[in-house]
Amino acid sequence: MSEAKPEFQSDFEEFDTQRPQTKSPMASIAGSVSLGLTTLALLSAIAIVGTSAQALGTYNTTHLGRDYLLPLWPSNFDIRPTTALVACGAVIIVSSAISLVLSFVPELRAIQLKYRGIAFLAPTVGLIAGLVGTSFFYGVNASNTTSSLQSWSCQWSAIDMNIKPHWGTLCRQSKAGLYLMVMMIPLQVIVLSAGAVGVFAAKPRLVVRERKGSPAMS
């Protein structure tokens, strides 16, 4: 009678896969960066609307019309760049505020996490608003015959006035609104990039864990 061959028994177990429960550090960093820059965009937009609206109000109160012989403002004058700064700044305020509310309210944050494309809406709207706001200024500023509120007020900024329009103050307000709007373009691009990194880093990944063992002979 032949001797039975030894049987091998393996203590190896099947691979166990599970999803990580902790949030990715990169996703947390990207979320914090996006949140901070969105707050900065909101504050900058408030400053844009404040300075530009005040400059626009000064123009409206000092604009006398063509019937007067000594008007303060030229006949070939385009107020659209300043109006665009106010309108686009208001759009950025609304979009940034909505984005921050979605980030802080737990119920709304759950919706944002489920539909991650929502995170790109606010910076996209802000980027478009920034491009529109600056394009109006540079389009009018390229003209040699039409003046904007900034170009005209800065032309006379050296004249010290005790009453409105206070050319120097008006010039600084106009420049501040424009420069902040120009800054808004790269700022929103960075927010978009941070959002993209956060969405990519937050994707669930499978972690494979192997239970080690050794074959045993019986």
N, C-alpha and C. Protein backbone atom coordinates (compact mmCIF):
# COMPACT_ATOMS: atom_id res chain seq x y z
N MET A 1 0.85 -1.19 0.00
CA MET A 1 0.00 0.00 0.00
C MET A 1 0.89 1.24 0.00
N SER A 2 0.65 2.11 -0.95
CA SER A 2 1.51 3.29 -1.08
C SER A 2 1.20 4.31 0.01
N GLU A 3 2.26 4.99 0.39
CA GLU A 3 2.12 6.01 1.45
C GLU A 3 1.41 7.25 0.90
N ALA A 4 0.46 7.78 1.66
CA ALA A 4 -0.30 8.96 1.20
C ALA A 4 0.59 10.18 1.18
N LYS A 5 0.43 11.00 0.15
CA LYS A 5 1.22 12.22 0.03
C LYS A 5 0.78 13.24 1.06
N PRO A 6 1.72 13.98 1.60
CA PRO A 6 1.35 15.00 2.60
C PRO A 6 0.51 16.10 1.96
N GLU A 7 -0.46 16.55 2.69
CA GLU A 7 -1.34 17.61 2.20
C GLU A 7 -0.88 18.96 2.76
N PHE A 8 -1.00 19.94 1.91
CA PHE A 8 -0.62 21.29 2.31
C PHE A 8 -1.87 22.07 2.69
N GLN A 9 -1.79 22.77 3.77
CA GLN A 9 -2.87 23.66 4.19
C GLN A 9 -2.32 25.08 4.26
N SER A 10 -3.01 25.97 3.67
CA SER A 10 -2.54 27.36 3.61
C SER A 10 -3.29 28.21 4.62
N ASP A 11 -2.51 29.01 5.33
CA ASP A 11 -3.11 29.95 6.28
C ASP A 11 -3.36 31.31 5.65
N PHE A 12 -3.07 31.42 4.33
CA PHE A 12 -3.31 32.69 3.66
C PHE A 12 -4.80 32.94 3.55
N GLU A 13 -5.18 34.19 3.76
CA GLU A 13 -6.57 34.57 3.58
C GLU A 13 -6.69 35.53 2.41
N GLU A 14 -7.87 35.67 1.92
CA GLU A 14 -8.09 36.52 0.77
C GLU A 14 -7.79 37.98 1.12
N PHE A 15 -7.47 38.70 0.06
CA PHE A 15 -7.20 40.12 0.25
C PHE A 15 -8.45 40.82 0.75
N ASP A 16 -8.25 41.73 1.64
CA ASP A 16 -9.36 42.50 2.21
C ASP A 16 -9.24 43.93 1.73
N THR A 17 -10.24 44.42 1.04
CA THR A 17 -10.23 45.79 0.54
C THR A 17 -11.25 46.61 1.29
N GLN A 18 -10.89 47.81 1.61
CA GLN A 18 -11.82 48.72 2.27
C GLN A 18 -11.48 50.14 1.89
N ARG A 19 -12.46 51.00 2.03
CA ARG A 19 -12.27 52.40 1.70
C ARG A 19 -11.75 53.15 2.92
N PRO A 20 -10.84 54.08 2.70
CA PRO A 20 -10.33 54.83 3.85
C PRO A 20 -11.40 55.72 4.43
N GLN A 21 -11.42 55.81 5.74
CA GLN A 21 -12.43 56.60 6.42
C GLN A 21 -11.97 58.04 6.66
N THR A 22 -10.66 58.25 6.69
CA THR A 22 -10.15 59.58 6.97
C THR A 22 -10.09 60.41 5.69
N LYS A 23 -10.24 61.72 5.85
CA LYS A 23 -10.21 62.62 4.71
C LYS A 23 -8.77 62.84 4.26
N SER A 24 -8.58 62.96 2.96
CA SER A 24 -7.24 63.16 2.42
C SER A 24 -6.67 64.49 2.90
N PRO A 25 -5.40 64.50 3.36
CA PRO A 25 -4.80 65.77 3.80
C PRO A 25 -4.75 66.80 2.68
N MET A 26 -4.49 66.35 1.46
CA MET A 26 -4.45 67.27 0.33
C MET A 26 -5.81 67.91 0.08
N ALA A 27 -6.88 67.13 0.24
CA ALA A 27 -8.23 67.67 0.08
C ALA A 27 -8.53 68.71 1.15
N SER A 28 -8.06 68.46 2.37
CA SER A 28 -8.28 69.43 3.46
C SER A 28 -7.53 70.73 3.19
N ILE A 29 -6.29 70.61 2.73
CA ILE A 29 -5.50 71.81 2.43
C ILE A 29 -6.13 72.60 1.29
N ALA A 30 -6.52 71.89 0.23
CA ALA A 30 -7.15 72.57 -0.92
C ALA A 30 -8.45 73.24 -0.51
N GLY A 31 -9.22 72.58 0.36
CA GLY A 31 -10.46 73.18 0.83
C GLY A 31 -10.22 74.43 1.65
N SER A 32 -9.20 74.40 2.49
CA SER A 32 -8.87 75.58 3.31
C SER A 32 -8.39 76.73 2.44
N VAL A 33 -7.57 76.43 1.44
CA VAL A 33 -7.09 77.47 0.53
C VAL A 33 -8.25 78.08 -0.24
N SER A 34 -9.13 77.23 -0.75
CA SER A 34 -10.28 77.71 -1.50
C SER A 34 -11.19 78.57 -0.63
N LEU A 35 -11.39 78.14 0.61
CA LEU A 35 -12.24 78.90 1.53
C LEU A 35 -11.63 80.26 1.85
N GLY A 36 -10.33 80.28 2.11
CA GLY A 36 -9.67 81.54 2.43
C GLY A 36 -9.67 82.51 1.26
N LEU A 37 -9.41 82.01 0.06
CA LEU A 37 -9.38 82.88 -1.11
C LEU A 37 -10.77 83.35 -1.50
N THR A 38 -11.78 82.52 -1.27
CA THR A 38 -13.15 82.96 -1.53
C THR A 38 -13.55 84.09 -0.58
N THR A 39 -13.10 83.99 0.67
CA THR A 39 -13.34 85.08 1.62
C THR A 39 -12.63 86.35 1.18
N LEU A 40 -11.39 86.20 0.70
CA LEU A 40 -10.65 87.35 0.19
C LEU A 40 -11.36 87.96 -1.02
N ALA A 41 -11.89 87.12 -1.89
CA ALA A 41 -12.62 87.62 -3.06
C ALA A 41 -13.86 88.39 -2.64
N LEU A 42 -14.55 87.89 -1.61
CA LEU A 42 -15.75 88.58 -1.12
C LEU A 42 -15.39 89.96 -0.57
N LEU A 43 -14.34 90.03 0.25
CA LEU A 43 -13.94 91.32 0.83
C LEU A 43 -13.45 92.28 -0.26
N SER A 44 -12.72 91.75 -1.23
CA SER A 44 -12.24 92.60 -2.33
C SER A 44 -13.40 93.14 -3.16
N ALA A 45 -14.39 92.29 -3.40
CA ALA A 45 -15.56 92.72 -4.17
C ALA A 45 -16.34 93.80 -3.43
N ILE A 46 -16.43 93.67 -2.11
CA ILE A 46 -17.10 94.72 -1.32
C ILE A 46 -16.35 96.04 -1.46
N ALA A 47 -15.01 95.97 -1.43
CA ALA A 47 -14.22 97.19 -1.61
C ALA A 47 -14.40 97.77 -3.01
N ILE A 48 -14.48 96.89 -4.02
CA ILE A 48 -14.69 97.36 -5.39
C ILE A 48 -16.01 98.12 -5.52
N VAL A 49 -17.07 97.51 -5.00
CA VAL A 49 -18.38 98.14 -5.08
C VAL A 49 -18.40 99.44 -4.28
N GLY A 50 -17.77 99.43 -3.10
CA GLY A 50 -17.78 100.63 -2.27
C GLY A 50 -17.07 101.81 -2.91
N THR A 51 -15.85 101.58 -3.40
CA THR A 51 -15.09 102.68 -4.00
C THR A 51 -15.69 103.13 -5.33
N SER A 52 -16.09 102.18 -6.15
CA SER A 52 -16.64 102.54 -7.47
C SER A 52 -18.00 103.21 -7.36
N ALA A 53 -18.82 102.72 -6.43
CA ALA A 53 -20.14 103.34 -6.24
C ALA A 53 -20.01 104.76 -5.71
N GLN A 54 -19.05 104.98 -4.83
CA GLN A 54 -18.84 106.33 -4.31
C GLN A 54 -18.34 107.27 -5.41
N ALA A 55 -17.44 106.77 -6.25
CA ALA A 55 -16.97 107.58 -7.37
C ALA A 55 -18.10 107.87 -8.35
N LEU A 56 -18.94 106.88 -8.58
CA LEU A 56 -20.08 107.07 -9.47
C LEU A 56 -21.07 108.07 -8.88
N GLY A 57 -21.26 108.01 -7.57
CA GLY A 57 -22.15 108.98 -6.92
C GLY A 57 -21.61 110.39 -7.01
N THR A 58 -20.29 110.54 -6.89
CA THR A 58 -19.68 111.87 -7.03
C THR A 58 -19.91 112.42 -8.43
N TYR A 59 -19.77 111.57 -9.42
CA TYR A 59 -20.02 112.02 -10.80
C TYR A 59 -21.47 112.45 -10.99
N ASN A 60 -22.39 111.68 -10.45
CA ASN A 60 -23.81 112.01 -10.64
C ASN A 60 -24.19 113.33 -9.97
N THR A 61 -23.54 113.65 -8.85
CA THR A 61 -23.88 114.89 -8.15
C THR A 61 -23.17 116.11 -8.72
N THR A 62 -22.11 115.90 -9.48
CA THR A 62 -21.36 117.04 -10.03
C THR A 62 -21.52 117.18 -11.54
N HIS A 63 -22.23 116.25 -12.15
CA HIS A 63 -22.44 116.33 -13.60
C HIS A 63 -23.55 117.34 -13.88
N LEU A 64 -23.21 118.41 -14.57
CA LEU A 64 -24.16 119.51 -14.79
C LEU A 64 -24.91 119.42 -16.11
N GLY A 65 -24.39 118.70 -17.05
CA GLY A 65 -25.07 118.63 -18.34
C GLY A 65 -24.49 119.60 -19.35
N ARG A 66 -24.96 119.50 -20.57
CA ARG A 66 -24.41 120.30 -21.67
C ARG A 66 -24.93 121.73 -21.70
N ASP A 67 -25.95 122.05 -20.92
CA ASP A 67 -26.52 123.40 -20.95
C ASP A 67 -25.62 124.42 -20.25
N TYR A 68 -24.72 123.94 -19.41
CA TYR A 68 -23.84 124.85 -18.68
C TYR A 68 -22.59 125.13 -19.49
N LEU A 69 -22.09 126.36 -19.36
CA LEU A 69 -20.94 126.77 -20.16
C LEU A 69 -19.62 126.20 -19.63
N LEU A 70 -19.54 125.93 -18.34
CA LEU A 70 -18.31 125.42 -17.74
C LEU A 70 -18.58 124.08 -17.04
N PRO A 71 -18.85 123.05 -17.79
CA PRO A 71 -19.10 121.75 -17.16
C PRO A 71 -17.80 121.16 -16.60
N LEU A 72 -17.94 120.38 -15.54
CA LEU A 72 -16.77 119.74 -14.94
C LEU A 72 -16.33 118.51 -15.73
N TRP A 73 -17.25 117.93 -16.46
CA TRP A 73 -16.96 116.70 -17.18
C TRP A 73 -17.05 116.95 -18.69
N PRO A 74 -16.21 116.28 -19.47
CA PRO A 74 -16.21 116.51 -20.92
C PRO A 74 -17.45 115.94 -21.58
N SER A 75 -17.70 116.39 -22.80
CA SER A 75 -18.86 115.89 -23.54
C SER A 75 -18.66 114.45 -23.99
N ASN A 76 -17.43 114.11 -24.39
CA ASN A 76 -17.13 112.73 -24.78
C ASN A 76 -16.67 111.96 -23.55
N PHE A 77 -17.65 111.50 -22.81
CA PHE A 77 -17.36 110.85 -21.53
C PHE A 77 -18.12 109.53 -21.46
N ASP A 78 -17.44 108.47 -21.01
CA ASP A 78 -18.04 107.14 -20.93
C ASP A 78 -17.99 106.67 -19.48
N ILE A 79 -19.14 106.52 -18.89
CA ILE A 79 -19.23 106.11 -17.49
C ILE A 79 -19.34 104.60 -17.35
N ARG A 80 -19.40 103.87 -18.47
CA ARG A 80 -19.61 102.42 -18.41
C ARG A 80 -18.54 101.65 -17.65
N PRO A 81 -17.25 102.02 -17.74
CA PRO A 81 -16.26 101.25 -16.96
C PRO A 81 -16.54 101.26 -15.46
N THR A 82 -16.91 102.42 -14.92
CA THR A 82 -17.21 102.49 -13.49
C THR A 82 -18.50 101.74 -13.16
N THR A 83 -19.50 101.86 -14.03
CA THR A 83 -20.74 101.12 -13.83
C THR A 83 -20.49 99.61 -13.88
N ALA A 84 -19.61 99.19 -14.78
CA ALA A 84 -19.29 97.76 -14.90
C ALA A 84 -18.59 97.26 -13.64
N LEU A 85 -17.73 98.09 -13.04
CA LEU A 85 -17.07 97.69 -11.80
C LEU A 85 -18.08 97.46 -10.68
N VAL A 86 -19.07 98.35 -10.60
CA VAL A 86 -20.10 98.19 -9.56
C VAL A 86 -20.92 96.93 -9.81
N ALA A 87 -21.36 96.73 -11.05
CA ALA A 87 -22.21 95.58 -11.37
C ALA A 87 -21.45 94.27 -11.20
N CYS A 88 -20.24 94.20 -11.75
CA CYS A 88 -19.46 92.95 -11.65
C CYS A 88 -19.04 92.68 -10.22
N GLY A 89 -18.72 93.73 -9.48
CA GLY A 89 -18.39 93.54 -8.07
C GLY A 89 -19.57 92.98 -7.28
N ALA A 90 -20.77 93.46 -7.59
CA ALA A 90 -21.97 92.95 -6.92
C ALA A 90 -22.19 91.47 -7.25
N VAL A 91 -21.93 91.10 -8.49
CA VAL A 91 -22.08 89.69 -8.88
C VAL A 91 -21.10 88.81 -8.10
N ILE A 92 -19.87 89.28 -7.95
CA ILE A 92 -18.86 88.51 -7.21
C ILE A 92 -19.24 88.41 -5.73
N ILE A 93 -19.81 89.47 -5.18
CA ILE A 93 -20.25 89.43 -3.78
C ILE A 93 -21.29 88.34 -3.59
N VAL A 94 -22.28 88.30 -4.47
CA VAL A 94 -23.36 87.31 -4.34
C VAL A 94 -22.82 85.89 -4.51
N SER A 95 -22.01 85.67 -5.55
CA SER A 95 -21.51 84.31 -5.80
C SER A 95 -20.57 83.84 -4.69
N SER A 96 -19.72 84.73 -4.19
CA SER A 96 -18.80 84.35 -3.12
C SER A 96 -19.55 84.09 -1.82
N ALA A 97 -20.55 84.91 -1.54
CA ALA A 97 -21.34 84.71 -0.32
C ALA A 97 -22.08 83.38 -0.36
N ILE A 98 -22.65 83.04 -1.51
CA ILE A 98 -23.34 81.75 -1.64
C ILE A 98 -22.37 80.59 -1.45
N SER A 99 -21.17 80.72 -2.02
CA SER A 99 -20.17 79.67 -1.87
C SER A 99 -19.77 79.48 -0.41
N LEU A 100 -19.62 80.58 0.33
CA LEU A 100 -19.26 80.47 1.74
C LEU A 100 -20.39 79.87 2.56
N VAL A 101 -21.62 80.22 2.24
CA VAL A 101 -22.77 79.64 2.95
C VAL A 101 -22.82 78.13 2.72
N LEU A 102 -22.59 77.71 1.48
CA LEU A 102 -22.58 76.28 1.18
C LEU A 102 -21.47 75.55 1.93
N SER A 103 -20.38 76.25 2.22
CA SER A 103 -19.25 75.62 2.90
C SER A 103 -19.46 75.50 4.40
N PHE A 104 -20.23 76.43 4.99
CA PHE A 104 -20.36 76.46 6.44
C PHE A 104 -21.62 75.78 6.97
N VAL A 105 -22.70 75.80 6.20
CA VAL A 105 -23.95 75.17 6.66
C VAL A 105 -23.87 73.67 6.40
N PRO A 106 -23.98 72.83 7.43
CA PRO A 106 -23.79 71.38 7.25
C PRO A 106 -24.73 70.76 6.22
N GLU A 107 -26.01 71.15 6.27
CA GLU A 107 -26.97 70.55 5.34
C GLU A 107 -26.62 70.89 3.89
N LEU A 108 -26.24 72.14 3.67
CA LEU A 108 -25.89 72.56 2.31
C LEU A 108 -24.52 72.02 1.90
N ARG A 109 -23.64 71.85 2.87
CA ARG A 109 -22.32 71.31 2.56
C ARG A 109 -22.43 69.87 2.06
N ALA A 110 -23.39 69.13 2.60
CA ALA A 110 -23.59 67.75 2.14
C ALA A 110 -24.00 67.73 0.67
N ILE A 111 -24.81 68.71 0.27
CA ILE A 111 -25.20 68.80 -1.14
C ILE A 111 -24.00 69.14 -2.01
N GLN A 112 -23.15 70.04 -1.51
CA GLN A 112 -21.96 70.43 -2.27
C GLN A 112 -21.00 69.26 -2.43
N LEU A 113 -20.88 68.44 -1.39
CA LEU A 113 -20.00 67.28 -1.47
C LEU A 113 -20.55 66.23 -2.43
N LYS A 114 -21.87 66.16 -2.52
CA LYS A 114 -22.48 65.18 -3.41
C LYS A 114 -22.35 65.63 -4.86
N TYR A 115 -22.59 66.90 -5.10
CA TYR A 115 -22.46 67.45 -6.45
C TYR A 115 -21.26 68.40 -6.45
N ARG A 116 -20.09 67.84 -6.68
CA ARG A 116 -18.85 68.59 -6.52
C ARG A 116 -18.69 69.70 -7.56
N GLY A 117 -19.45 69.63 -8.63
CA GLY A 117 -19.36 70.68 -9.64
C GLY A 117 -19.83 72.02 -9.13
N ILE A 118 -20.63 72.02 -8.05
CA ILE A 118 -21.12 73.28 -7.48
C ILE A 118 -19.95 74.13 -7.00
N ALA A 119 -18.87 73.48 -6.56
CA ALA A 119 -17.72 74.22 -6.03
C ALA A 119 -17.06 75.09 -7.10
N PHE A 120 -17.29 74.78 -8.37
CA PHE A 120 -16.66 75.54 -9.44
C PHE A 120 -17.52 76.70 -9.92
N LEU A 121 -18.77 76.78 -9.47
CA LEU A 121 -19.66 77.82 -9.98
C LEU A 121 -19.22 79.21 -9.55
N ALA A 122 -18.96 79.39 -8.24
CA ALA A 122 -18.61 80.72 -7.73
C ALA A 122 -17.33 81.26 -8.35
N PRO A 123 -16.22 80.51 -8.38
CA PRO A 123 -15.02 81.07 -9.01
C PRO A 123 -15.16 81.28 -10.51
N THR A 124 -15.98 80.45 -11.17
CA THR A 124 -16.20 80.66 -12.61
C THR A 124 -16.96 81.95 -12.86
N VAL A 125 -18.00 82.18 -12.06
CA VAL A 125 -18.76 83.43 -12.18
C VAL A 125 -17.87 84.62 -11.84
N GLY A 126 -17.05 84.48 -10.79
CA GLY A 126 -16.15 85.56 -10.42
C GLY A 126 -15.12 85.86 -11.49
N LEU A 127 -14.61 84.82 -12.13
CA LEU A 127 -13.63 85.01 -13.20
C LEU A 127 -14.25 85.74 -14.38
N ILE A 128 -15.45 85.33 -14.77
CA ILE A 128 -16.13 86.00 -15.89
C ILE A 128 -16.42 87.46 -15.54
N ALA A 129 -16.88 87.70 -14.31
CA ALA A 129 -17.16 89.07 -13.89
C ALA A 129 -15.89 89.92 -13.89
N GLY A 130 -14.77 89.34 -13.45
CA GLY A 130 -13.51 90.08 -13.47
C GLY A 130 -13.07 90.43 -14.88
N LEU A 131 -13.23 89.50 -15.80
CA LEU A 131 -12.86 89.76 -17.19
C LEU A 131 -13.74 90.84 -17.81
N VAL A 132 -15.04 90.78 -17.52
CA VAL A 132 -15.96 91.78 -18.06
C VAL A 132 -15.66 93.16 -17.48
N GLY A 133 -15.44 93.22 -16.16
CA GLY A 133 -15.19 94.50 -15.51
C GLY A 133 -13.94 95.18 -16.02
N THR A 134 -12.88 94.42 -16.22
CA THR A 134 -11.63 95.02 -16.71
C THR A 134 -11.68 95.33 -18.20
N SER A 135 -12.40 94.52 -18.97
CA SER A 135 -12.45 94.75 -20.41
C SER A 135 -13.13 96.07 -20.75
N PHE A 136 -14.14 96.45 -19.96
CA PHE A 136 -14.81 97.73 -20.20
C PHE A 136 -13.82 98.88 -20.03
N PHE A 137 -13.01 98.81 -18.96
CA PHE A 137 -12.08 99.91 -18.71
C PHE A 137 -11.03 100.01 -19.82
N TYR A 138 -10.38 98.89 -20.12
CA TYR A 138 -9.30 98.94 -21.10
C TYR A 138 -9.83 99.23 -22.51
N GLY A 139 -11.08 98.85 -22.77
CA GLY A 139 -11.66 99.18 -24.06
C GLY A 139 -11.87 100.67 -24.23
N VAL A 140 -12.38 101.33 -23.18
CA VAL A 140 -12.60 102.78 -23.24
C VAL A 140 -11.27 103.52 -23.12
N ASN A 141 -10.37 103.00 -22.30
CA ASN A 141 -9.09 103.69 -22.08
C ASN A 141 -8.22 103.70 -23.33
N ALA A 142 -8.47 102.77 -24.25
CA ALA A 142 -7.69 102.73 -25.49
C ALA A 142 -8.08 103.85 -26.45
N SER A 143 -9.22 104.48 -26.19
CA SER A 143 -9.69 105.55 -27.08
C SER A 143 -8.96 106.85 -26.77
N ASN A 144 -8.65 107.60 -27.81
CA ASN A 144 -7.99 108.90 -27.65
C ASN A 144 -8.98 110.05 -27.57
N THR A 145 -10.24 109.77 -27.81
CA THR A 145 -11.25 110.84 -27.84
C THR A 145 -12.26 110.74 -26.69
N THR A 146 -12.41 109.56 -26.12
CA THR A 146 -13.39 109.36 -25.06
C THR A 146 -12.69 109.18 -23.73
N SER A 147 -13.15 109.88 -22.71
CA SER A 147 -12.55 109.80 -21.38
C SER A 147 -13.41 108.95 -20.47
N SER A 148 -12.76 108.28 -19.54
CA SER A 148 -13.46 107.55 -18.49
C SER A 148 -13.36 108.35 -17.19
N LEU A 149 -14.08 107.88 -16.18
CA LEU A 149 -14.05 108.59 -14.91
C LEU A 149 -12.63 108.60 -14.34
N GLN A 150 -11.93 107.50 -14.50
CA GLN A 150 -10.57 107.45 -13.96
C GLN A 150 -9.61 108.34 -14.74
N SER A 151 -9.64 108.24 -16.06
CA SER A 151 -8.69 109.02 -16.86
C SER A 151 -8.90 110.52 -16.68
N TRP A 152 -10.16 110.94 -16.59
CA TRP A 152 -10.45 112.37 -16.46
C TRP A 152 -10.10 112.88 -15.06
N SER A 153 -10.46 112.13 -14.04
CA SER A 153 -10.17 112.58 -12.67
C SER A 153 -8.67 112.56 -12.38
N CYS A 154 -7.96 111.57 -12.89
CA CYS A 154 -6.52 111.51 -12.67
C CYS A 154 -5.78 112.60 -13.45
N GLN A 155 -6.39 113.05 -14.53
CA GLN A 155 -5.78 114.13 -15.31
C GLN A 155 -5.73 115.42 -14.50
N TRP A 156 -6.73 115.63 -13.63
CA TRP A 156 -6.82 116.85 -12.84
C TRP A 156 -6.55 116.59 -11.35
N SER A 157 -5.93 115.46 -11.04
CA SER A 157 -5.74 115.09 -9.64
C SER A 157 -4.79 116.03 -8.90
N ALA A 158 -3.94 116.75 -9.63
CA ALA A 158 -3.00 117.68 -8.98
C ALA A 158 -3.68 118.94 -8.47
N ILE A 159 -4.91 119.19 -8.92
CA ILE A 159 -5.64 120.39 -8.50
C ILE A 159 -6.32 120.11 -7.16
N ASP A 160 -6.02 120.91 -6.17
CA ASP A 160 -6.60 120.74 -4.84
C ASP A 160 -7.93 121.49 -4.79
N MET A 161 -9.00 120.76 -4.49
CA MET A 161 -10.33 121.35 -4.44
C MET A 161 -10.92 121.18 -3.05
N ASN A 162 -11.64 122.21 -2.60
CA ASN A 162 -12.29 122.15 -1.29
C ASN A 162 -13.70 121.57 -1.36
N ILE A 163 -14.21 121.43 -2.54
CA ILE A 163 -15.55 120.87 -2.73
C ILE A 163 -15.45 119.74 -3.75
N LYS A 164 -16.56 119.02 -3.90
CA LYS A 164 -16.58 117.95 -4.89
C LYS A 164 -16.35 118.53 -6.27
N PRO A 165 -15.71 117.75 -7.14
CA PRO A 165 -15.50 116.30 -7.06
C PRO A 165 -14.21 115.83 -6.39
N HIS A 166 -13.35 116.71 -5.88
CA HIS A 166 -12.10 116.27 -5.25
C HIS A 166 -11.36 115.30 -6.18
N TRP A 167 -10.75 115.84 -7.20
CA TRP A 167 -10.17 115.02 -8.26
C TRP A 167 -9.18 113.98 -7.74
N GLY A 168 -8.34 114.36 -6.78
CA GLY A 168 -7.35 113.41 -6.26
C GLY A 168 -8.00 112.20 -5.61
N THR A 169 -9.00 112.45 -4.76
CA THR A 169 -9.71 111.35 -4.10
C THR A 169 -10.44 110.50 -5.11
N LEU A 170 -11.06 111.15 -6.08
CA LEU A 170 -11.80 110.43 -7.11
C LEU A 170 -10.86 109.55 -7.94
N CYS A 171 -9.68 110.05 -8.22
CA CYS A 171 -8.69 109.28 -8.98
C CYS A 171 -8.26 108.05 -8.19
N ARG A 172 -7.99 108.21 -6.90
CA ARG A 172 -7.55 107.07 -6.09
C ARG A 172 -8.66 106.03 -5.94
N GLN A 173 -9.89 106.48 -5.79
CA GLN A 173 -11.00 105.54 -5.69
C GLN A 173 -11.17 104.74 -6.98
N SER A 174 -11.05 105.42 -8.10
CA SER A 174 -11.19 104.74 -9.39
C SER A 174 -10.08 103.71 -9.60
N LYS A 175 -8.86 104.09 -9.25
CA LYS A 175 -7.74 103.17 -9.40
C LYS A 175 -7.88 101.96 -8.47
N ALA A 176 -8.32 102.20 -7.25
CA ALA A 176 -8.47 101.10 -6.29
C ALA A 176 -9.48 100.08 -6.79
N GLY A 177 -10.62 100.56 -7.29
CA GLY A 177 -11.63 99.64 -7.81
C GLY A 177 -11.12 98.84 -8.99
N LEU A 178 -10.40 99.51 -9.89
CA LEU A 178 -9.88 98.83 -11.08
C LEU A 178 -8.82 97.80 -10.71
N TYR A 179 -7.87 98.18 -9.86
CA TYR A 179 -6.78 97.27 -9.51
C TYR A 179 -7.30 96.03 -8.76
N LEU A 180 -8.29 96.24 -7.92
CA LEU A 180 -8.88 95.10 -7.22
C LEU A 180 -9.60 94.17 -8.20
N MET A 181 -10.23 94.75 -9.21
CA MET A 181 -10.91 93.91 -10.20
C MET A 181 -9.90 93.14 -11.05
N VAL A 182 -8.78 93.78 -11.38
CA VAL A 182 -7.73 93.08 -12.11
C VAL A 182 -7.17 91.93 -11.26
N MET A 183 -6.98 92.19 -9.97
CA MET A 183 -6.50 91.15 -9.06
C MET A 183 -7.47 89.98 -8.97
N MET A 184 -8.75 90.26 -9.19
CA MET A 184 -9.77 89.24 -9.07
C MET A 184 -9.58 88.12 -10.09
N ILE A 185 -9.00 88.42 -11.23
CA ILE A 185 -8.85 87.41 -12.28
C ILE A 185 -7.90 86.28 -11.85
N PRO A 186 -6.64 86.58 -11.49
CA PRO A 186 -5.79 85.47 -11.02
C PRO A 186 -6.28 84.84 -9.72
N LEU A 187 -6.94 85.63 -8.89
CA LEU A 187 -7.47 85.09 -7.63
C LEU A 187 -8.50 84.00 -7.90
N GLN A 188 -9.41 84.25 -8.82
CA GLN A 188 -10.43 83.26 -9.14
C GLN A 188 -9.84 82.05 -9.85
N VAL A 189 -8.79 82.27 -10.63
CA VAL A 189 -8.11 81.14 -11.27
C VAL A 189 -7.49 80.22 -10.21
N ILE A 190 -6.90 80.82 -9.17
CA ILE A 190 -6.32 80.02 -8.09
C ILE A 190 -7.41 79.26 -7.34
N VAL A 191 -8.55 79.92 -7.11
CA VAL A 191 -9.66 79.24 -6.43
C VAL A 191 -10.15 78.05 -7.26
N LEU A 192 -10.25 78.24 -8.57
CA LEU A 192 -10.64 77.13 -9.45
C LEU A 192 -9.63 75.99 -9.37
N SER A 193 -8.35 76.33 -9.37
CA SER A 193 -7.31 75.30 -9.30
C SER A 193 -7.36 74.55 -7.97
N ALA A 194 -7.56 75.30 -6.88
CA ALA A 194 -7.66 74.66 -5.57
C ALA A 194 -8.88 73.75 -5.50
N GLY A 195 -9.98 74.19 -6.11
CA GLY A 195 -11.17 73.34 -6.14
C GLY A 195 -10.95 72.07 -6.92
N ALA A 196 -10.24 72.18 -8.05
CA ALA A 196 -9.95 70.98 -8.85
C ALA A 196 -9.06 70.01 -8.09
N VAL A 197 -8.05 70.54 -7.40
CA VAL A 197 -7.18 69.68 -6.59
C VAL A 197 -7.97 69.00 -5.48
N GLY A 198 -8.87 69.77 -4.84
CA GLY A 198 -9.67 69.20 -3.77
C GLY A 198 -10.59 68.10 -4.25
N VAL A 199 -11.22 68.29 -5.40
CA VAL A 199 -12.11 67.25 -5.94
C VAL A 199 -11.32 66.00 -6.30
N PHE A 200 -10.15 66.18 -6.90
CA PHE A 200 -9.33 65.02 -7.27
C PHE A 200 -8.83 64.28 -6.03
N ALA A 201 -8.39 65.04 -5.02
CA ALA A 201 -7.85 64.41 -3.82
C ALA A 201 -8.93 63.75 -2.98
N ALA A 202 -10.18 64.22 -3.10
CA ALA A 202 -11.26 63.68 -2.29
C ALA A 202 -11.88 62.42 -2.88
N LYS A 203 -11.45 62.03 -4.08
CA LYS A 203 -12.00 60.81 -4.67
C LYS A 203 -11.62 59.60 -3.83
N PRO A 204 -12.57 58.72 -3.55
CA PRO A 204 -12.25 57.54 -2.72
C PRO A 204 -11.29 56.61 -3.43
N ARG A 205 -10.34 56.09 -2.68
CA ARG A 205 -9.37 55.15 -3.23
C ARG A 205 -9.41 53.86 -2.42
N LEU A 206 -9.26 52.75 -3.11
CA LEU A 206 -9.26 51.45 -2.44
C LEU A 206 -7.89 51.17 -1.84
N VAL A 207 -7.89 50.77 -0.59
CA VAL A 207 -6.65 50.40 0.08
C VAL A 207 -6.65 48.89 0.27
N VAL A 208 -5.66 48.22 -0.27
CA VAL A 208 -5.58 46.76 -0.21
C VAL A 208 -4.72 46.36 0.98
N ARG A 209 -5.28 45.56 1.84
CA ARG A 209 -4.54 45.07 3.00
C ARG A 209 -4.43 43.56 2.90
N GLU A 210 -3.23 43.05 3.05
CA GLU A 210 -2.99 41.61 2.93
C GLU A 210 -2.74 41.03 4.31
N ARG A 211 -3.48 40.00 4.63
CA ARG A 211 -3.26 39.30 5.89
C ARG A 211 -2.21 38.22 5.66
N LYS A 212 -1.10 38.42 6.31
CA LYS A 212 0.02 37.52 6.07
C LYS A 212 -0.20 36.19 6.78
N GLY A 213 0.34 35.16 6.17
CA GLY A 213 0.28 33.83 6.76
C GLY A 213 1.37 32.97 6.17
N SER A 214 1.41 31.72 6.54
CA SER A 214 2.42 30.81 6.02
C SER A 214 1.79 29.46 5.76
N PRO A 215 2.20 28.80 4.72
CA PRO A 215 1.64 27.47 4.45
C PRO A 215 2.12 26.47 5.48
N ALA A 216 1.24 25.57 5.83
CA ALA A 216 1.58 24.53 6.81
C ALA A 216 1.41 23.17 6.18
N MET A 217 2.27 22.26 6.53
CA MET A 217 2.23 20.90 5.98
C MET A 217 1.66 19.96 7.03
N SER A 218 0.72 19.18 6.63
CA SER A 218 0.15 18.21 7.55
C SER A 218 0.39 16.81 7.03
